[in-house]
Protein backbone atom coordinates (compact mmCIF):
# COMPACT_ATOMS: atom_id res chain seq x y z
CA MET A 1 68.77 204.26 126.86
CA ASN A 2 70.99 207.22 127.97
CA LYS A 3 70.98 209.22 131.28
CA SER A 4 68.52 211.73 130.26
CA GLU A 5 65.95 209.03 128.97
CA LEU A 6 66.19 207.09 131.95
CA LYS A 7 65.91 210.14 134.45
CA SER A 8 62.44 210.69 132.69
CA LEU A 9 61.41 207.41 133.63
CA ILE A 10 62.63 206.69 137.21
CA LYS A 11 60.61 209.45 139.08
CA GLY A 12 57.31 210.28 140.52
CA THR A 13 55.43 207.89 142.81
CA LEU A 14 57.44 204.57 142.74
CA ALA A 15 54.84 201.84 143.69
CA VAL A 16 56.38 199.16 145.95
CA THR A 17 54.39 195.97 144.95
CA PRO A 18 54.05 192.93 147.17
CA THR A 19 54.72 189.54 145.38
CA PRO A 20 51.63 187.06 145.30
CA PHE A 21 51.81 183.72 147.03
CA ASP A 22 48.97 181.18 147.43
CA ASP A 23 47.95 179.47 150.70
CA ASN A 24 51.14 177.29 150.81
CA TYR A 25 53.28 180.18 150.43
CA GLN A 26 54.20 179.40 146.77
CA LEU A 27 54.50 181.93 144.05
CA ASP A 28 51.13 182.61 142.37
CA LEU A 29 51.82 183.51 138.88
CA GLY A 30 48.04 183.76 137.64
CA LYS A 31 47.32 186.22 140.43
CA THR A 32 50.67 188.13 139.66
CA HIS A 33 49.49 188.68 135.92
CA ASP A 34 46.01 189.70 137.18
CA ILE A 35 46.91 192.25 139.91
CA THR A 36 49.58 193.76 137.45
CA GLN A 37 47.03 194.20 134.73
CA TRP A 38 44.89 195.99 137.65
CA TRP A 39 47.51 198.20 138.85
CA VAL A 40 48.20 199.50 135.21
CA GLU A 41 44.24 200.25 134.68
CA GLN A 42 44.69 202.15 137.90
CA GLY A 43 47.39 204.42 136.40
CA LEU A 44 50.57 202.82 137.79
CA GLY A 45 53.42 201.45 135.69
CA THR A 46 54.00 204.93 133.93
CA SER A 47 56.97 207.48 133.88
CA ASN A 48 55.04 209.19 136.81
CA SER A 49 54.59 205.87 138.73
CA PRO A 50 56.80 203.09 137.84
CA LEU A 51 56.13 199.74 139.29
CA LYS A 52 58.95 198.69 141.63
CA ILE A 53 58.64 195.01 141.92
CA THR A 54 60.91 192.28 143.96
CA ALA A 55 62.14 194.79 146.24
CA GLY A 56 62.17 194.43 149.97
CA GLY A 57 58.16 195.05 150.02
CA GLY A 58 57.92 192.20 147.37
CA GLU A 59 59.92 189.82 149.35
CA CYS A 60 62.92 189.85 147.11
CA HIS A 61 65.02 188.28 149.72
CA ASN A 62 62.59 185.24 150.07
CA LEU A 63 62.46 184.45 146.42
CA THR A 64 64.68 181.61 144.58
CA GLU A 65 66.68 182.72 141.54
CA ASP A 66 63.98 181.14 139.39
CA GLU A 67 60.93 182.69 141.28
CA TRP A 68 62.54 186.09 141.01
CA LEU A 69 63.04 185.79 137.23
CA GLN A 70 59.52 184.19 136.79
CA VAL A 71 58.15 187.36 138.59
CA LEU A 72 59.81 189.74 136.23
CA LYS A 73 58.65 188.17 133.13
CA THR A 74 55.24 187.65 134.15
CA THR A 75 54.70 191.37 135.29
CA VAL A 76 56.51 192.43 132.23
CA ASN A 77 54.33 190.44 130.01
CA ALA A 78 51.09 191.49 131.91
CA ALA A 79 51.95 195.23 132.12
CA GLY A 80 52.37 195.57 128.43
CA PRO A 81 55.42 197.05 126.13
CA GLU A 82 54.62 200.65 127.46
CA ALA A 83 54.66 199.82 130.96
CA VAL A 84 57.55 201.14 133.24
CA ILE A 85 58.87 198.30 135.40
CA MET A 86 61.72 198.49 137.94
CA CYS A 87 62.79 195.63 140.18
CA GLY A 88 64.94 194.98 142.95
CA LEU A 89 68.04 192.89 143.24
CA LYS A 90 69.51 190.76 146.07
CA SER A 91 72.84 192.14 147.64
CA LYS A 92 75.56 190.16 145.82
CA SER A 93 79.11 190.51 144.50
CA THR A 94 79.86 192.91 141.61
CA ILE A 95 79.87 189.92 139.07
CA HIS A 96 76.73 188.28 140.28
CA THR A 97 74.85 191.66 140.27
CA ILE A 98 75.79 192.39 136.84
CA GLU A 99 74.51 188.91 136.01
CA ASP A 100 71.11 189.68 137.59
CA ALA A 101 71.14 193.12 136.22
CA LYS A 102 71.56 191.65 132.84
CA LYS A 103 68.63 189.03 133.11
CA ALA A 104 66.23 191.82 134.18
CA GLN A 105 67.40 193.93 131.30
CA ASP A 106 66.75 191.00 128.98
CA VAL A 107 63.16 190.75 129.99
CA GLY A 108 62.35 194.35 129.72
CA ILE A 109 63.14 195.88 133.15
CA ILE A 110 63.99 199.59 132.56
CA GLY A 111 65.37 200.17 136.19
CA LEU A 112 67.12 198.37 139.09
CA GLN A 113 66.92 199.20 142.75
CA ILE A 114 70.43 198.07 143.94
CA ASP A 115 71.70 197.91 147.60
CA LEU A 116 74.64 199.24 149.05
CA PRO A 117 76.93 196.06 148.97
CA PHE A 118 76.55 195.60 152.65
CA TYR A 119 77.83 192.05 153.09
CA HIS A 120 81.24 193.32 151.86
CA HIS A 121 81.82 196.08 154.59
CA PRO A 122 82.41 198.80 152.10
CA ASN A 123 84.06 201.95 151.99
CA GLN A 124 83.27 204.98 149.73
CA ASP A 125 85.74 204.05 147.23
CA ASP A 126 84.21 200.39 147.00
CA TYR A 127 80.75 202.02 146.21
CA VAL A 128 82.24 204.22 143.48
CA ARG A 129 83.76 200.99 141.97
CA TYR A 130 80.69 198.81 142.60
CA PHE A 131 78.16 201.20 140.79
CA THR A 132 80.24 202.07 138.09
CA ASP A 133 81.32 198.65 136.99
CA ILE A 134 77.52 197.70 136.97
CA SER A 135 76.66 201.13 135.37
CA ASP A 136 79.50 200.16 132.28
CA SER A 137 77.80 196.74 131.84
CA ILE A 138 74.19 197.51 131.16
CA ASP A 139 71.75 199.78 129.36
CA ILE A 140 69.14 200.41 131.74
CA GLY A 141 68.92 202.80 134.93
CA ILE A 142 70.33 202.15 138.30
CA MET A 143 68.64 203.44 141.53
CA ILE A 144 71.09 203.14 144.55
CA TYR A 145 69.20 202.28 147.59
CA ASN A 146 71.32 203.81 150.62
CA THR A 147 70.89 200.84 152.95
CA HIS A 148 73.06 202.01 155.66
CA PHE A 149 70.54 200.38 158.19
CA HIS A 150 72.04 196.77 157.22
CA GLY A 151 75.36 197.96 158.57
CA ALA A 152 77.18 199.69 155.73
CA PRO A 153 78.06 203.33 156.16
CA SER A 154 76.02 205.71 154.44
CA ILE A 155 76.79 206.73 150.91
CA LYS A 156 78.01 210.47 151.06
CA ALA A 157 77.06 213.25 148.95
CA GLU A 158 80.65 213.57 147.65
CA THR A 159 80.63 209.98 146.63
CA MET A 160 77.48 210.52 144.71
CA LEU A 161 79.28 213.25 142.65
CA ARG A 162 81.78 210.84 141.78
CA LEU A 163 79.39 208.85 140.15
CA THR A 164 78.07 211.58 137.87
CA ASP A 165 79.90 209.86 134.98
CA ALA A 166 78.54 206.77 135.57
CA GLU A 167 75.78 206.88 132.63
CA HIS A 168 73.16 204.49 134.04
CA VAL A 169 73.52 205.63 137.87
CA VAL A 170 70.45 208.10 137.51
CA ALA A 171 68.71 207.85 140.98
CA ILE A 172 69.29 207.47 144.54
CA LYS A 173 66.48 206.28 147.08
CA TRP A 174 67.58 208.70 149.64
CA ASN A 175 67.74 208.39 153.40
CA THR A 176 70.14 209.04 156.10
CA PRO A 177 71.33 207.86 159.69
CA PRO A 178 70.00 210.08 162.69
CA HIS A 179 73.28 211.75 162.98
CA GLU A 180 73.72 212.66 159.29
CA ASP A 181 72.08 215.46 157.53
CA PHE A 182 69.14 214.45 155.30
CA ASN A 183 69.76 217.90 153.34
CA GLN A 184 72.98 216.79 151.84
CA MET A 185 70.97 215.75 148.93
CA THR A 186 70.68 219.17 147.80
CA LYS A 187 74.47 218.69 146.57
CA PHE A 188 73.65 216.24 144.26
CA SER A 189 69.87 216.57 143.49
CA ASN A 190 70.72 218.17 140.12
CA GLU A 191 72.71 215.15 138.95
CA PHE A 192 70.37 212.52 140.17
CA ASN A 193 66.75 211.98 140.54
CA VAL A 194 66.48 211.59 144.48
CA ILE A 195 63.61 209.41 145.66
CA ASN A 196 62.38 210.22 149.14
CA ASN A 197 62.75 207.12 151.72
CA GLY A 198 61.40 208.55 154.92
CA GLY A 199 62.57 212.28 154.99
CA ASP A 200 60.13 214.92 155.48
CA MET A 201 58.10 215.12 152.09
CA ILE A 202 57.88 218.91 151.78
CA GLN A 203 61.44 219.71 152.82
CA PHE A 204 62.51 216.85 150.24
CA HIS A 205 60.53 218.24 147.42
CA LYS A 206 62.03 221.87 148.13
CA ASN A 207 65.46 220.10 148.41
CA GLY A 208 64.95 219.17 144.71
CA GLY A 209 63.50 215.88 145.15
CA LYS A 210 62.03 213.96 141.95
CA GLY A 211 59.95 211.12 143.65
CA THR A 212 58.99 209.03 146.48
CA GLN A 213 58.69 205.31 146.93
CA SER A 214 55.15 204.37 148.24
CA SER A 215 53.86 201.11 149.64
CA ILE A 216 50.43 202.31 149.83
CA ALA A 217 50.21 203.10 146.08
CA PRO A 218 49.53 199.53 145.08
CA ALA A 219 46.21 199.35 147.10
CA CYS A 220 45.23 203.11 146.85
CA PRO A 221 46.91 204.28 143.68
CA LYS A 222 44.76 207.56 143.51
CA TYR A 223 45.80 208.66 146.98
CA ALA A 224 49.34 208.22 146.21
CA LEU A 225 49.38 209.73 142.58
CA ASP A 226 47.40 212.82 144.00
CA MET A 227 50.02 213.23 146.82
CA TRP A 228 52.79 213.62 144.25
CA GLU A 229 50.81 215.98 142.02
CA LEU A 230 50.08 218.17 145.05
CA LEU A 231 53.85 218.21 145.58
CA GLU A 232 54.64 219.01 142.16
CA ALA A 233 52.19 221.80 142.15
CA LYS A 234 53.79 223.05 145.47
CA GLU A 235 50.39 222.71 147.31
CA TYR A 236 52.34 222.40 150.40
CA ASP A 237 49.35 223.27 152.96
CA LYS A 238 47.43 220.54 151.26
CA VAL A 239 50.14 218.19 151.52
CA LYS A 240 50.41 218.89 155.21
CA ASN A 241 46.67 217.90 155.62
CA GLU A 242 47.07 214.53 153.69
CA LEU A 243 50.22 213.57 155.49
CA GLU A 244 47.84 213.37 158.65
CA LYS A 245 46.51 210.18 157.27
CA ASP A 246 50.09 208.87 156.37
CA ALA A 247 50.78 209.41 160.11
CA MET A 248 47.85 207.39 161.46
CA LEU A 249 48.72 204.81 158.65
CA ASN A 250 52.29 204.44 160.11
CA LYS A 251 51.00 204.55 163.60
CA TRP A 252 49.24 200.99 162.39
CA ARG A 253 52.45 199.78 160.81
CA ARG A 254 54.22 200.21 164.20
CA LYS A 255 51.74 198.36 165.99
CA SER A 256 51.88 195.64 163.19
CA ALA A 257 55.47 195.36 163.62
CA LEU A 258 55.14 194.42 167.31
CA ILE A 259 53.46 191.09 166.13
CA SER A 260 56.26 190.48 163.50
CA GLY A 261 58.71 192.04 161.63
CA GLY A 262 59.16 191.89 157.68
CA ASN A 263 57.10 193.70 155.17
CA ARG A 264 53.69 192.39 156.13
CA HIS A 265 51.96 195.69 155.76
CA ASN A 266 52.09 195.30 152.10
CA LYS A 267 50.04 192.30 152.09
CA ALA A 268 47.75 193.84 154.66
CA TYR A 269 47.06 196.71 152.47
CA MET A 270 46.03 194.65 149.71
CA ALA A 271 43.73 192.53 151.63
CA ALA A 272 42.13 195.51 153.30
CA ILE A 273 40.78 196.67 149.82
CA GLY A 274 39.51 193.09 148.92
CA LYS A 275 42.41 192.03 146.87
CA PRO A 276 44.54 189.70 148.85
CA LEU A 277 47.66 188.55 147.58
CA GLY A 278 48.55 185.69 150.08
CA GLN A 279 50.75 185.93 153.36
CA PRO A 280 54.25 186.72 153.65
CA ARG A 281 56.85 184.20 153.91
CA LEU A 282 57.89 182.93 157.21
CA PRO A 283 59.45 183.83 159.71
CA THR A 284 57.38 186.85 159.28
CA LEU A 285 53.95 185.73 160.80
CA PRO A 286 50.77 186.02 158.60
CA VAL A 287 48.67 189.23 158.77
CA GLU A 288 45.77 188.59 161.17
CA GLN A 289 42.25 189.23 160.36
CA HIS A 290 41.58 192.20 163.00
CA GLU A 291 44.56 193.95 161.32
CA VAL A 292 42.89 194.06 157.98
CA VAL A 293 39.51 195.05 159.43
CA GLU A 294 41.16 197.77 161.35
CA LEU A 295 43.00 198.96 157.96
CA ARG A 296 39.67 198.67 155.84
CA GLU A 297 37.86 200.99 158.34
CA MET A 298 40.80 203.54 158.20
CA PHE A 299 40.90 203.57 154.41
CA LYS A 300 36.97 204.08 154.27
CA SER A 301 37.38 206.84 156.64
CA PHE A 302 40.03 208.50 154.51
CA GLY A 303 37.84 207.82 151.48
CA TRP A 304 40.37 205.52 149.83
CA ILE A 305 37.77 202.95 149.46
CA THR A 306 34.02 203.10 149.30
CA ALA A 307 33.01 199.49 150.13
């Protein structure tokens, strides 16, 4: 696919899906198949709401190479040929990232979330070479994940503009360190689909943002999809009202993180709606029942679930 076609697919509400495990923390492919079909039935897995599997929220870092590929194959098969499925890759060398990218492409993935190569202590020139080399080797889309919080320097707006000719670099999951200006995205938002990862939603949209990542979408699809529709309609006052719910949810997440780190909230959200997908893998601690009960009551008060 060319850049225009890929940009039409990697946008909107990117649903960050958790990876199902059984009671022994083993991969549960049957549950992966079933929950994928439910997500598609709820309106996810489209060009306005790609399913993003095996990202950080899907515990990509906890999966073996074989497990990672099994999740990809099972999800694509369950979602059907028309579904839009993205996946996350582990941070590796250029050669090994290209190998993984080709495996994902071969099973039907249309877009890749690729971290900055933080293990290599890169500079801005390294970023240009890294993402250009990957782009030249595949036919599906690349969404750069600006993972500066892992110790690499944040990718600069000027560096993004140097990647304009990389045909398959079509998006960036954008956030910045506290000392850098989030609004630098305006310098490249006409060239790439900028996906929000923590900035002010309204200002982000006014800056030309084309999507947002959502860990609540797999559990409460309607809320997440409606939020993006309100942004696209520029109903910013209504968005502000809805963001009060996000603030309450983030407060719960901060409290949960005091118990244990990781992405345990993704599993908690699914348990709260009655569709548990197992527990996160150790050393992240299991979600406690009182946390699920608190979430369920919150979801009911928001009108996200009725039972």
